[in-house]
């Protein structure tokens, strides 16, 4: 499954970040092969995942942002076995480790705010071994280049990416994927 994730990003590095379910249909109709779901609740998540799968797209749920679920291994096990996304996104190391043990793909989201957080990103990647790291904000080509050359996992950039030049700069700097909530970005051809 990890190879499929990487191959889908290579085919189209744009990832639809859906933070409002009102934009889900636009994401499903886009050229994006992967959806990062940044919203949802215990009441709708199963239907959303099924709808995305029916379109042949991969879906990653940001479990830190789901409503109605506790943030523990039991909730994660339920999500893994009953909801069945392709993977999860989290900032929490414990959630990422548990998800990996359950066979889910993992994307570790890291906020880069200073030089210490760059070192932390490299160390966390070595310790957790996620399938990818998403660095935020995604409009830092120099940092993207530095991290993509220091890490053994694919780098995805996200956050504040709203212009085509930002996507192009991220890819040129070594990002394998770019997540954005902008419908205009979703339709980019690279």
N, C-alpha and C. Protein backbone atom coordinates (compact mmCIF):
# COMPACT_ATOMS: atom_id res chain seq x y z
N UNK A 1 0.83 -1.19 0.00
CA UNK A 1 0.00 0.00 0.00
C UNK A 1 0.87 1.26 0.00
N UNK A 2 2.03 1.21 0.67
CA UNK A 2 2.94 2.35 0.70
C UNK A 2 3.39 2.69 -0.72
N UNK A 3 3.67 1.67 -1.52
CA UNK A 3 4.09 1.92 -2.90
C UNK A 3 2.98 2.59 -3.70
N UNK A 4 1.73 2.19 -3.46
CA UNK A 4 0.60 2.80 -4.15
C UNK A 4 0.50 4.29 -3.78
N UNK A 5 0.68 4.59 -2.51
CA UNK A 5 0.65 5.96 -2.02
C UNK A 5 1.71 6.80 -2.73
N UNK A 6 2.91 6.29 -2.77
CA UNK A 6 4.02 7.00 -3.42
C UNK A 6 3.75 7.15 -4.92
N UNK A 7 3.28 6.10 -5.55
CA UNK A 7 3.01 6.15 -7.00
C UNK A 7 1.91 7.16 -7.31
N UNK A 8 0.88 7.22 -6.49
CA UNK A 8 -0.20 8.19 -6.73
C UNK A 8 0.32 9.61 -6.60
N UNK A 9 1.23 9.85 -5.65
CA UNK A 9 1.81 11.19 -5.51
C UNK A 9 2.71 11.52 -6.69
N UNK A 10 3.42 10.52 -7.20
CA UNK A 10 4.29 10.76 -8.36
C UNK A 10 3.46 11.11 -9.59
N UNK A 11 2.30 10.45 -9.75
CA UNK A 11 1.43 10.73 -10.89
C UNK A 11 0.83 12.13 -10.80
N UNK A 12 0.40 12.50 -9.59
CA UNK A 12 -0.15 13.83 -9.36
C UNK A 12 0.18 14.24 -7.94
N UNK A 13 1.14 15.15 -7.77
CA UNK A 13 1.58 15.52 -6.43
C UNK A 13 0.59 16.37 -5.64
N UNK A 14 -0.48 16.82 -6.27
CA UNK A 14 -1.45 17.66 -5.58
C UNK A 14 -2.39 16.77 -4.76
N UNK A 15 -2.51 17.09 -3.48
CA UNK A 15 -3.38 16.36 -2.55
C UNK A 15 -4.49 17.31 -2.14
N UNK A 16 -5.73 16.87 -2.30
CA UNK A 16 -6.87 17.70 -1.90
C UNK A 16 -7.04 17.63 -0.39
N UNK A 17 -6.82 18.75 0.28
CA UNK A 17 -7.04 18.84 1.72
C UNK A 17 -8.44 19.38 1.93
N UNK A 18 -9.32 18.52 2.43
CA UNK A 18 -10.72 18.89 2.59
C UNK A 18 -10.98 19.21 4.05
N UNK A 19 -11.23 20.51 4.30
CA UNK A 19 -11.50 20.94 5.67
C UNK A 19 -12.95 21.35 5.87
N UNK A 20 -13.74 21.17 4.82
CA UNK A 20 -15.17 21.47 4.84
C UNK A 20 -15.86 20.43 3.95
N UNK A 21 -16.75 19.64 4.52
CA UNK A 21 -17.39 18.58 3.73
C UNK A 21 -18.18 19.11 2.54
N UNK A 22 -18.51 20.39 2.56
CA UNK A 22 -19.17 21.01 1.41
C UNK A 22 -18.28 21.03 0.18
N UNK A 23 -16.96 20.86 0.36
CA UNK A 23 -16.02 20.84 -0.76
C UNK A 23 -15.61 19.42 -1.16
N UNK A 24 -16.17 18.42 -0.50
CA UNK A 24 -15.78 17.04 -0.79
C UNK A 24 -16.08 16.67 -2.24
N UNK A 25 -17.25 17.02 -2.75
CA UNK A 25 -17.59 16.67 -4.13
C UNK A 25 -16.62 17.30 -5.13
N UNK A 26 -16.19 18.51 -4.85
CA UNK A 26 -15.20 19.16 -5.73
C UNK A 26 -13.89 18.39 -5.69
N UNK A 27 -13.48 17.95 -4.52
CA UNK A 27 -12.25 17.15 -4.40
C UNK A 27 -12.39 15.83 -5.14
N UNK A 28 -13.56 15.22 -5.02
CA UNK A 28 -13.79 13.94 -5.71
C UNK A 28 -13.80 14.11 -7.22
N UNK A 29 -14.23 15.25 -7.69
CA UNK A 29 -14.27 15.51 -9.12
C UNK A 29 -12.96 16.05 -9.68
N UNK A 30 -12.01 16.31 -8.80
CA UNK A 30 -10.72 16.87 -9.22
C UNK A 30 -9.80 15.77 -9.74
N UNK A 31 -8.64 16.19 -10.23
CA UNK A 31 -7.62 15.26 -10.70
C UNK A 31 -6.81 14.65 -9.56
N UNK A 32 -7.03 15.11 -8.34
CA UNK A 32 -6.26 14.62 -7.20
C UNK A 32 -6.52 13.13 -6.97
N UNK A 33 -5.44 12.39 -6.71
CA UNK A 33 -5.56 10.96 -6.44
C UNK A 33 -5.66 10.66 -4.95
N UNK A 34 -5.33 11.66 -4.12
CA UNK A 34 -5.28 11.47 -2.67
C UNK A 34 -6.06 12.61 -2.01
N UNK A 35 -6.82 12.26 -0.99
CA UNK A 35 -7.55 13.26 -0.21
C UNK A 35 -7.11 13.17 1.24
N UNK A 36 -6.77 14.33 1.80
CA UNK A 36 -6.52 14.46 3.24
C UNK A 36 -7.79 15.05 3.83
N UNK A 37 -8.48 14.28 4.65
CA UNK A 37 -9.72 14.73 5.27
C UNK A 37 -9.40 15.38 6.61
N UNK A 38 -9.68 16.68 6.71
CA UNK A 38 -9.34 17.46 7.89
C UNK A 38 -10.58 17.84 8.69
N UNK A 39 -11.66 17.11 8.50
CA UNK A 39 -12.90 17.36 9.22
C UNK A 39 -13.69 16.06 9.27
N UNK A 40 -14.80 16.09 9.94
CA UNK A 40 -15.66 14.92 10.01
C UNK A 40 -15.96 14.57 11.46
N UNK A 41 -16.90 13.68 11.59
CA UNK A 41 -17.32 13.28 12.93
C UNK A 41 -17.69 11.81 12.95
N UNK A 42 -17.94 11.34 14.12
CA UNK A 42 -18.35 9.96 14.32
C UNK A 42 -19.61 9.64 13.51
N UNK A 43 -20.40 10.65 13.19
CA UNK A 43 -21.66 10.44 12.47
C UNK A 43 -21.51 10.34 10.97
N UNK A 44 -20.43 10.90 10.39
CA UNK A 44 -20.35 10.92 8.93
C UNK A 44 -19.08 10.31 8.33
N UNK A 45 -18.13 9.99 9.15
CA UNK A 45 -16.81 9.60 8.63
C UNK A 45 -16.85 8.32 7.78
N UNK A 46 -17.65 7.36 8.18
CA UNK A 46 -17.71 6.11 7.43
C UNK A 46 -18.26 6.34 6.02
N UNK A 47 -19.31 7.15 5.92
CA UNK A 47 -19.89 7.45 4.62
C UNK A 47 -18.92 8.24 3.73
N UNK A 48 -18.18 9.17 4.34
CA UNK A 48 -17.21 9.96 3.58
C UNK A 48 -16.11 9.06 3.01
N UNK A 49 -15.57 8.18 3.85
CA UNK A 49 -14.51 7.27 3.39
C UNK A 49 -15.03 6.39 2.26
N UNK A 50 -16.23 5.87 2.40
CA UNK A 50 -16.80 5.01 1.35
C UNK A 50 -16.98 5.79 0.05
N UNK A 51 -17.44 7.03 0.14
CA UNK A 51 -17.64 7.86 -1.05
C UNK A 51 -16.31 8.11 -1.77
N UNK A 52 -15.26 8.35 -1.01
CA UNK A 52 -13.94 8.60 -1.59
C UNK A 52 -13.42 7.33 -2.26
N UNK A 53 -13.56 6.21 -1.58
CA UNK A 53 -13.09 4.92 -2.14
C UNK A 53 -13.82 4.57 -3.44
N UNK A 54 -15.11 4.89 -3.50
CA UNK A 54 -15.88 4.60 -4.72
C UNK A 54 -15.34 5.36 -5.93
N UNK A 55 -14.67 6.48 -5.69
CA UNK A 55 -14.07 7.27 -6.76
C UNK A 55 -12.64 6.81 -7.07
N UNK A 56 -12.16 5.78 -6.36
CA UNK A 56 -10.83 5.24 -6.61
C UNK A 56 -9.69 6.08 -6.07
N UNK A 57 -9.99 6.94 -5.12
CA UNK A 57 -8.98 7.80 -4.53
C UNK A 57 -8.57 7.27 -3.16
N UNK A 58 -7.36 7.60 -2.75
CA UNK A 58 -6.90 7.24 -1.41
C UNK A 58 -7.37 8.31 -0.44
N UNK A 59 -7.66 7.89 0.80
CA UNK A 59 -8.09 8.85 1.81
C UNK A 59 -7.32 8.65 3.10
N UNK A 60 -6.84 9.78 3.61
CA UNK A 60 -6.15 9.84 4.88
C UNK A 60 -6.98 10.72 5.80
N UNK A 61 -7.26 10.23 6.99
CA UNK A 61 -8.05 10.97 7.96
C UNK A 61 -7.12 11.62 8.97
N UNK A 62 -7.29 12.92 9.17
CA UNK A 62 -6.52 13.60 10.22
C UNK A 62 -7.25 13.32 11.54
N UNK A 63 -6.76 12.32 12.25
CA UNK A 63 -7.50 11.85 13.42
C UNK A 63 -7.51 12.85 14.56
N UNK A 64 -6.57 13.77 14.58
CA UNK A 64 -6.56 14.79 15.64
C UNK A 64 -7.74 15.76 15.48
N UNK A 65 -8.32 15.82 14.28
CA UNK A 65 -9.37 16.78 13.99
C UNK A 65 -10.77 16.18 13.91
N UNK A 66 -10.91 14.88 14.14
CA UNK A 66 -12.22 14.24 14.10
C UNK A 66 -13.02 14.55 15.35
N UNK A 67 -14.29 14.83 15.18
CA UNK A 67 -15.18 15.06 16.32
C UNK A 67 -15.83 13.76 16.76
N UNK A 68 -15.98 13.61 18.05
CA UNK A 68 -16.72 12.48 18.61
C UNK A 68 -15.90 11.25 18.91
N UNK A 69 -14.61 11.27 18.59
CA UNK A 69 -13.72 10.14 18.89
C UNK A 69 -12.74 10.57 19.97
N UNK A 70 -12.46 9.67 20.88
CA UNK A 70 -11.40 9.97 21.83
C UNK A 70 -10.07 9.83 21.09
N UNK A 71 -9.05 10.36 21.65
CA UNK A 71 -7.74 10.34 20.99
C UNK A 71 -6.89 9.22 21.59
N UNK A 72 -7.41 7.99 21.53
CA UNK A 72 -6.67 6.86 22.11
C UNK A 72 -6.64 5.69 21.14
N UNK A 73 -5.96 4.63 21.56
CA UNK A 73 -5.76 3.46 20.69
C UNK A 73 -7.07 2.74 20.38
N UNK A 74 -8.03 2.79 21.28
CA UNK A 74 -9.32 2.11 21.05
C UNK A 74 -10.06 2.80 19.90
N UNK A 75 -10.10 4.13 19.91
CA UNK A 75 -10.75 4.86 18.82
C UNK A 75 -10.02 4.60 17.50
N UNK A 76 -8.71 4.57 17.57
CA UNK A 76 -7.92 4.31 16.37
C UNK A 76 -8.19 2.90 15.83
N UNK A 77 -8.32 1.94 16.72
CA UNK A 77 -8.62 0.57 16.30
C UNK A 77 -9.99 0.52 15.61
N UNK A 78 -10.96 1.21 16.17
CA UNK A 78 -12.28 1.27 15.56
C UNK A 78 -12.18 1.90 14.16
N UNK A 79 -11.47 3.00 14.05
CA UNK A 79 -11.29 3.67 12.76
C UNK A 79 -10.63 2.73 11.76
N UNK A 80 -9.61 2.02 12.21
CA UNK A 80 -8.88 1.10 11.34
C UNK A 80 -9.77 -0.04 10.86
N UNK A 81 -10.52 -0.64 11.77
CA UNK A 81 -11.30 -1.84 11.44
C UNK A 81 -12.67 -1.56 10.84
N UNK A 82 -13.31 -0.47 11.25
CA UNK A 82 -14.68 -0.20 10.80
C UNK A 82 -14.77 0.88 9.73
N UNK A 83 -13.96 1.89 9.82
CA UNK A 83 -14.00 2.99 8.86
C UNK A 83 -13.10 2.68 7.66
N UNK A 84 -11.96 2.10 7.93
CA UNK A 84 -11.01 1.59 6.95
C UNK A 84 -10.46 2.62 5.97
N UNK A 85 -9.89 3.72 6.48
CA UNK A 85 -9.20 4.65 5.57
C UNK A 85 -7.89 4.02 5.12
N UNK A 86 -7.27 4.62 4.14
CA UNK A 86 -5.95 4.15 3.71
C UNK A 86 -4.89 4.50 4.75
N UNK A 87 -5.09 5.62 5.41
CA UNK A 87 -4.11 6.04 6.40
C UNK A 87 -4.63 7.14 7.27
N UNK A 88 -3.76 7.56 8.17
CA UNK A 88 -4.11 8.64 9.09
C UNK A 88 -3.02 9.70 9.06
N UNK A 89 -3.42 10.88 9.47
CA UNK A 89 -2.52 12.00 9.65
C UNK A 89 -2.61 12.36 11.13
N UNK A 90 -1.47 12.67 11.74
CA UNK A 90 -1.49 13.08 13.13
C UNK A 90 -0.22 13.83 13.48
N UNK A 91 -0.30 14.63 14.51
CA UNK A 91 0.88 15.26 15.09
C UNK A 91 1.37 14.47 16.29
N UNK A 92 0.61 13.47 16.68
CA UNK A 92 0.90 12.72 17.90
C UNK A 92 1.65 11.42 17.61
N UNK A 93 2.85 11.31 18.16
CA UNK A 93 3.69 10.13 17.93
C UNK A 93 3.00 8.84 18.35
N UNK A 94 2.29 8.84 19.47
CA UNK A 94 1.64 7.62 19.95
C UNK A 94 0.57 7.14 18.97
N UNK A 95 -0.18 8.07 18.38
CA UNK A 95 -1.20 7.70 17.41
C UNK A 95 -0.57 7.13 16.14
N UNK A 96 0.54 7.72 15.72
CA UNK A 96 1.22 7.25 14.52
C UNK A 96 1.79 5.85 14.72
N UNK A 97 2.40 5.61 15.88
CA UNK A 97 2.94 4.27 16.16
C UNK A 97 1.83 3.23 16.19
N UNK A 98 0.74 3.55 16.87
CA UNK A 98 -0.38 2.61 16.95
C UNK A 98 -0.97 2.35 15.57
N UNK A 99 -1.12 3.38 14.76
CA UNK A 99 -1.67 3.22 13.41
C UNK A 99 -0.78 2.33 12.55
N UNK A 100 0.53 2.53 12.65
CA UNK A 100 1.46 1.67 11.90
C UNK A 100 1.30 0.21 12.31
N UNK A 101 1.15 -0.02 13.60
CA UNK A 101 0.97 -1.40 14.10
C UNK A 101 -0.33 -2.01 13.61
N UNK A 102 -1.30 -1.18 13.26
CA UNK A 102 -2.59 -1.66 12.75
C UNK A 102 -2.59 -1.79 11.23
N UNK A 103 -1.47 -1.48 10.61
CA UNK A 103 -1.37 -1.63 9.16
C UNK A 103 -1.83 -0.42 8.36
N UNK A 104 -2.07 0.69 9.02
CA UNK A 104 -2.47 1.90 8.31
C UNK A 104 -1.23 2.67 7.84
N UNK A 105 -1.36 3.36 6.73
CA UNK A 105 -0.32 4.29 6.32
C UNK A 105 -0.36 5.49 7.26
N UNK A 106 0.80 6.13 7.44
CA UNK A 106 0.85 7.24 8.38
C UNK A 106 1.55 8.45 7.76
N UNK A 107 0.97 9.61 8.04
CA UNK A 107 1.57 10.88 7.66
C UNK A 107 1.73 11.68 8.95
N UNK A 108 2.97 11.98 9.26
CA UNK A 108 3.26 12.76 10.46
C UNK A 108 3.27 14.23 10.09
N UNK A 109 2.38 14.99 10.71
CA UNK A 109 2.29 16.42 10.44
C UNK A 109 3.16 17.16 11.45
N UNK A 110 4.04 18.02 10.91
CA UNK A 110 4.97 18.75 11.76
C UNK A 110 4.92 20.23 11.38
N UNK A 111 4.81 21.07 12.39
CA UNK A 111 4.81 22.52 12.18
C UNK A 111 6.22 23.04 12.36
N UNK A 112 6.74 23.70 11.34
CA UNK A 112 8.09 24.24 11.37
C UNK A 112 8.00 25.71 11.77
N UNK A 113 8.47 26.00 12.98
CA UNK A 113 8.40 27.37 13.46
C UNK A 113 9.77 27.97 13.74
N UNK A 114 10.78 27.11 13.84
CA UNK A 114 12.14 27.58 14.07
C UNK A 114 13.12 26.47 13.73
N UNK A 115 14.43 26.74 13.90
CA UNK A 115 15.43 25.73 13.54
C UNK A 115 15.35 24.49 14.42
N UNK A 116 14.92 24.63 15.65
CA UNK A 116 14.76 23.48 16.53
C UNK A 116 13.70 22.52 16.00
N UNK A 117 12.63 23.05 15.43
CA UNK A 117 11.58 22.18 14.90
C UNK A 117 12.04 21.42 13.66
N UNK A 118 13.02 21.93 12.96
CA UNK A 118 13.61 21.19 11.83
C UNK A 118 14.34 19.97 12.36
N UNK A 119 15.16 20.15 13.39
CA UNK A 119 15.86 19.02 14.01
C UNK A 119 14.88 18.02 14.59
N UNK A 120 13.83 18.52 15.20
CA UNK A 120 12.80 17.65 15.78
C UNK A 120 12.12 16.82 14.69
N UNK A 121 11.88 17.42 13.54
CA UNK A 121 11.25 16.71 12.43
C UNK A 121 12.10 15.54 11.97
N UNK A 122 13.40 15.76 11.86
CA UNK A 122 14.31 14.68 11.43
C UNK A 122 14.34 13.57 12.48
N UNK A 123 14.48 13.93 13.74
CA UNK A 123 14.52 12.93 14.82
C UNK A 123 13.21 12.16 14.92
N UNK A 124 12.11 12.87 14.83
CA UNK A 124 10.80 12.20 14.92
C UNK A 124 10.61 11.22 13.77
N UNK A 125 11.04 11.62 12.58
CA UNK A 125 10.93 10.74 11.43
C UNK A 125 11.73 9.46 11.62
N UNK A 126 12.92 9.59 12.17
CA UNK A 126 13.76 8.42 12.42
C UNK A 126 13.14 7.52 13.49
N UNK A 127 12.51 8.11 14.47
CA UNK A 127 11.93 7.34 15.56
C UNK A 127 10.59 6.69 15.16
N UNK A 128 9.73 7.44 14.53
CA UNK A 128 8.38 6.97 14.19
C UNK A 128 8.36 6.17 12.89
N UNK A 129 9.20 6.55 11.94
CA UNK A 129 9.22 5.96 10.60
C UNK A 129 7.85 6.03 9.93
N UNK A 130 7.28 7.25 9.82
CA UNK A 130 6.01 7.38 9.12
C UNK A 130 6.21 7.11 7.63
N UNK A 131 5.11 6.95 6.92
CA UNK A 131 5.20 6.74 5.48
C UNK A 131 5.48 8.04 4.74
N UNK A 132 5.17 9.16 5.38
CA UNK A 132 5.49 10.48 4.84
C UNK A 132 5.42 11.48 5.98
N UNK A 133 6.05 12.61 5.76
CA UNK A 133 5.97 13.72 6.70
C UNK A 133 5.36 14.89 5.96
N UNK A 134 4.40 15.54 6.60
CA UNK A 134 3.83 16.76 6.04
C UNK A 134 4.35 17.92 6.88
N UNK A 135 5.07 18.82 6.22
CA UNK A 135 5.58 19.98 6.94
C UNK A 135 4.70 21.19 6.64
N UNK A 136 4.51 21.96 7.69
CA UNK A 136 3.66 23.15 7.58
C UNK A 136 4.38 24.33 8.20
N UNK A 137 4.24 25.52 7.66
CA UNK A 137 3.53 25.83 6.43
C UNK A 137 4.31 25.37 5.20
N UNK A 138 3.59 25.21 4.12
CA UNK A 138 4.17 24.63 2.91
C UNK A 138 4.80 25.62 1.97
N UNK A 139 5.01 26.82 2.41
CA UNK A 139 5.53 27.86 1.52
C UNK A 139 6.98 28.23 1.89
N UNK A 140 7.76 27.21 2.22
CA UNK A 140 9.16 27.41 2.63
C UNK A 140 10.08 26.55 1.79
N UNK A 141 10.38 26.94 0.55
CA UNK A 141 11.19 26.10 -0.33
C UNK A 141 12.56 25.72 0.26
N UNK A 142 13.21 26.65 0.91
CA UNK A 142 14.54 26.35 1.46
C UNK A 142 14.45 25.27 2.54
N UNK A 143 13.45 25.34 3.38
CA UNK A 143 13.27 24.35 4.45
C UNK A 143 12.83 23.02 3.84
N UNK A 144 11.97 23.07 2.83
CA UNK A 144 11.55 21.85 2.15
C UNK A 144 12.76 21.13 1.57
N UNK A 145 13.63 21.87 0.94
CA UNK A 145 14.85 21.29 0.34
C UNK A 145 15.73 20.68 1.43
N UNK A 146 15.91 21.39 2.51
CA UNK A 146 16.74 20.90 3.61
C UNK A 146 16.17 19.61 4.20
N UNK A 147 14.87 19.58 4.46
CA UNK A 147 14.27 18.39 5.05
C UNK A 147 14.20 17.22 4.07
N UNK A 148 13.87 17.50 2.82
CA UNK A 148 13.76 16.39 1.86
C UNK A 148 15.11 15.73 1.63
N UNK A 149 16.20 16.47 1.79
CA UNK A 149 17.52 15.86 1.64
C UNK A 149 17.99 15.18 2.93
N UNK A 150 17.35 15.50 4.05
CA UNK A 150 17.75 14.92 5.34
C UNK A 150 16.90 13.71 5.74
N UNK A 151 15.76 13.54 5.11
CA UNK A 151 14.82 12.49 5.50
C UNK A 151 14.84 11.33 4.51
N UNK A 152 14.48 10.17 5.01
CA UNK A 152 14.37 8.99 4.14
C UNK A 152 12.94 8.72 3.71
N UNK A 153 11.99 9.52 4.20
CA UNK A 153 10.58 9.36 3.84
C UNK A 153 10.16 10.53 2.96
N UNK A 154 9.12 10.34 2.16
CA UNK A 154 8.64 11.43 1.32
C UNK A 154 8.19 12.64 2.15
N UNK A 155 8.45 13.81 1.60
CA UNK A 155 8.02 15.05 2.23
C UNK A 155 6.82 15.60 1.46
N UNK A 156 5.79 15.92 2.21
CA UNK A 156 4.61 16.59 1.69
C UNK A 156 4.59 17.96 2.35
N UNK A 157 4.26 18.99 1.60
CA UNK A 157 4.12 20.30 2.21
C UNK A 157 2.64 20.68 2.20
N UNK A 158 2.23 21.42 3.19
CA UNK A 158 0.84 21.85 3.29
C UNK A 158 0.73 23.09 4.15
N UNK A 159 -0.40 23.72 4.07
CA UNK A 159 -0.63 24.91 4.85
C UNK A 159 -0.21 26.16 4.11
N UNK A 160 -1.16 27.03 3.85
CA UNK A 160 -0.95 28.32 3.19
C UNK A 160 -0.58 28.22 1.72
N UNK A 161 -0.65 27.04 1.14
CA UNK A 161 -0.34 26.87 -0.28
C UNK A 161 -1.60 27.22 -1.08
N UNK A 162 -1.54 28.36 -1.77
CA UNK A 162 -2.73 28.80 -2.50
C UNK A 162 -2.43 29.32 -3.91
N UNK A 163 -1.15 29.36 -4.27
CA UNK A 163 -0.78 29.86 -5.59
C UNK A 163 0.03 28.80 -6.33
N UNK A 164 -0.11 28.77 -7.64
CA UNK A 164 0.57 27.75 -8.44
C UNK A 164 2.08 27.83 -8.28
N UNK A 165 2.63 29.03 -8.16
CA UNK A 165 4.08 29.16 -8.02
C UNK A 165 4.55 28.51 -6.72
N UNK A 166 3.74 28.51 -5.69
CA UNK A 166 4.10 27.87 -4.42
C UNK A 166 4.17 26.35 -4.59
N UNK A 167 3.25 25.80 -5.36
CA UNK A 167 3.27 24.37 -5.64
C UNK A 167 4.52 24.02 -6.44
N UNK A 168 4.78 24.79 -7.49
CA UNK A 168 5.96 24.54 -8.33
C UNK A 168 7.25 24.63 -7.51
N UNK A 169 7.35 25.63 -6.65
CA UNK A 169 8.54 25.79 -5.81
C UNK A 169 8.70 24.61 -4.85
N UNK A 170 7.60 24.14 -4.30
CA UNK A 170 7.66 23.00 -3.36
C UNK A 170 8.17 21.75 -4.07
N UNK A 171 7.67 21.48 -5.25
CA UNK A 171 8.08 20.30 -6.01
C UNK A 171 9.56 20.43 -6.40
N UNK A 172 9.96 21.61 -6.88
CA UNK A 172 11.37 21.84 -7.25
C UNK A 172 12.29 21.69 -6.04
N UNK A 173 11.76 21.94 -4.85
CA UNK A 173 12.57 21.88 -3.63
C UNK A 173 12.62 20.49 -3.02
N UNK A 174 11.95 19.52 -3.66
CA UNK A 174 12.05 18.15 -3.19
C UNK A 174 10.80 17.55 -2.57
N UNK A 175 9.72 18.32 -2.49
CA UNK A 175 8.48 17.75 -1.96
C UNK A 175 7.90 16.76 -2.97
N UNK A 176 7.45 15.62 -2.49
CA UNK A 176 6.80 14.64 -3.36
C UNK A 176 5.33 14.99 -3.54
N UNK A 177 4.74 15.63 -2.52
CA UNK A 177 3.34 16.00 -2.57
C UNK A 177 3.11 17.37 -1.98
N UNK A 178 1.97 17.96 -2.38
CA UNK A 178 1.57 19.27 -1.87
C UNK A 178 0.09 19.19 -1.52
N UNK A 179 -0.23 19.39 -0.24
CA UNK A 179 -1.65 19.39 0.14
C UNK A 179 -2.15 20.82 0.21
N UNK A 180 -3.35 21.02 -0.29
CA UNK A 180 -3.94 22.35 -0.32
C UNK A 180 -5.45 22.23 -0.24
N UNK A 181 -6.06 23.22 0.38
CA UNK A 181 -7.53 23.25 0.43
C UNK A 181 -8.10 24.12 -0.68
N UNK A 182 -7.24 24.61 -1.56
CA UNK A 182 -7.66 25.48 -2.65
C UNK A 182 -8.12 24.66 -3.86
N UNK A 183 -9.38 24.86 -4.25
CA UNK A 183 -9.90 24.14 -5.42
C UNK A 183 -9.13 24.48 -6.69
N UNK A 184 -8.60 25.68 -6.79
CA UNK A 184 -7.82 26.07 -7.96
C UNK A 184 -6.54 25.24 -8.04
N UNK A 185 -5.92 25.00 -6.92
CA UNK A 185 -4.70 24.19 -6.87
C UNK A 185 -5.03 22.74 -7.24
N UNK A 186 -6.18 22.25 -6.80
CA UNK A 186 -6.56 20.86 -7.10
C UNK A 186 -6.59 20.60 -8.60
N UNK A 187 -6.87 21.60 -9.39
CA UNK A 187 -6.99 21.42 -10.83
C UNK A 187 -5.70 21.68 -11.60
N UNK A 188 -4.62 21.97 -10.88
CA UNK A 188 -3.33 22.21 -11.55
C UNK A 188 -2.87 20.98 -12.32
N UNK A 189 -2.21 21.22 -13.42
CA UNK A 189 -1.57 20.17 -14.20
C UNK A 189 -0.07 20.37 -14.08
N UNK A 190 0.61 19.34 -13.59
CA UNK A 190 2.07 19.43 -13.46
C UNK A 190 2.74 18.46 -14.40
